[in-house]
Protein backbone atom coordinates (compact mmCIF):
# COMPACT_ATOMS: atom_id res chain seq x y z
CA UNK A 1 0.02 0.02 -0.03
CA UNK A 2 1.13 3.53 -0.66
CA UNK A 3 2.87 5.25 2.27
CA UNK A 4 0.50 8.27 2.11
CA UNK A 5 -2.55 6.00 2.22
CA UNK A 6 -1.20 4.17 5.29
CA UNK A 7 -0.55 7.54 7.05
CA UNK A 8 -3.99 8.84 6.05
CA UNK A 9 -5.78 5.70 7.41
CA UNK A 10 -3.84 5.74 10.66
CA UNK A 11 -4.57 9.47 11.30
CA UNK A 12 -8.24 8.98 10.56
CA UNK A 13 -8.52 5.93 12.81
CA UNK A 14 -6.99 7.89 15.69
CA UNK A 15 -9.15 10.99 14.92
CA UNK A 16 -12.33 8.87 14.71
CA UNK A 17 -11.56 7.08 18.00
CA UNK A 18 -10.84 10.28 19.89
CA UNK A 19 -13.84 12.06 18.39
CA UNK A 20 -16.26 9.21 19.34
CA UNK A 21 -14.78 9.03 22.83
CA UNK A 22 -15.34 12.83 23.15
CA UNK A 23 -18.87 12.72 21.86
CA UNK A 24 -19.95 9.64 23.83
CA UNK A 25 -17.98 10.45 26.99
CA UNK A 26 -18.94 14.08 27.37
CA UNK A 27 -21.55 14.16 30.08
CA UNK A 28 -22.29 17.88 29.70
CA UNK A 29 -24.85 16.99 27.03
CA UNK A 30 -26.70 13.82 26.24
CA UNK A 31 -26.55 12.75 22.65
CA UNK A 32 -29.13 10.66 21.00
CA UNK A 33 -28.07 7.36 19.46
CA UNK A 34 -28.24 8.71 15.89
CA UNK A 35 -25.68 11.44 16.67
CA UNK A 36 -23.25 8.81 17.99
CA UNK A 37 -23.93 6.70 14.88
CA UNK A 38 -23.24 9.63 12.58
CA UNK A 39 -20.09 10.49 14.55
CA UNK A 40 -18.89 6.95 13.93
CA UNK A 41 -19.99 6.68 10.25
CA UNK A 42 -18.74 10.02 8.83
CA UNK A 43 -14.99 9.62 9.64
CA UNK A 44 -15.10 5.97 8.52
CA UNK A 45 -16.63 6.96 5.10
CA UNK A 46 -14.08 9.78 4.73
CA UNK A 47 -11.24 7.34 5.46
CA UNK A 48 -12.69 4.90 2.93
CA UNK A 49 -12.94 7.59 0.22
CA UNK A 50 -9.51 8.96 0.88
CA UNK A 51 -7.82 5.55 0.99
CA UNK A 52 -9.52 4.41 -2.26
CA UNK A 53 -8.50 7.62 -3.98
CA UNK A 54 -4.86 7.31 -2.86
CA UNK A 55 -4.78 3.62 -3.80
CA UNK A 56 -6.20 4.36 -7.21
CA UNK A 57 -3.63 7.07 -7.88
CA UNK A 58 -0.88 4.76 -6.78
CA UNK A 59 -2.08 2.01 -9.09
CA UNK A 60 -2.39 4.41 -12.02
CA UNK A 61 1.11 5.66 -11.37
CA UNK A 62 2.43 2.11 -11.32
CA UNK A 63 0.61 1.20 -14.55
CA UNK A 64 1.89 4.32 -16.30
CA UNK A 65 5.47 3.49 -15.25
CA UNK A 66 5.08 -0.03 -16.59
CA UNK A 67 3.69 1.15 -19.93
CA UNK A 68 6.55 3.60 -20.25
CA UNK A 69 9.07 0.83 -19.41
CA UNK A 70 7.50 -1.40 -22.03
CA UNK A 71 7.52 1.37 -24.59
CA UNK A 72 11.32 1.98 -23.98
CA UNK A 73 11.98 -1.72 -24.34
CA UNK A 74 10.13 -1.81 -27.69
CA UNK A 75 12.01 1.32 -28.82
CA UNK A 76 8.95 3.40 -29.35
């Protein structure tokens, strides 16, 4: 996996965990169950979108490099 994708996923896992602990553990206000659910889903979806985007870019870069390597070998 791409190094940036790994860093992005780790950051979002830590952020999501701390955010959910803050939202669920804050006794100053009671949150309904759906707020907690949204607080858990939104960072997970953002992590998914970000990691898929970075993985796709990484794969496109690898494919482009392989095509250029093949073209050099063929003398094009």
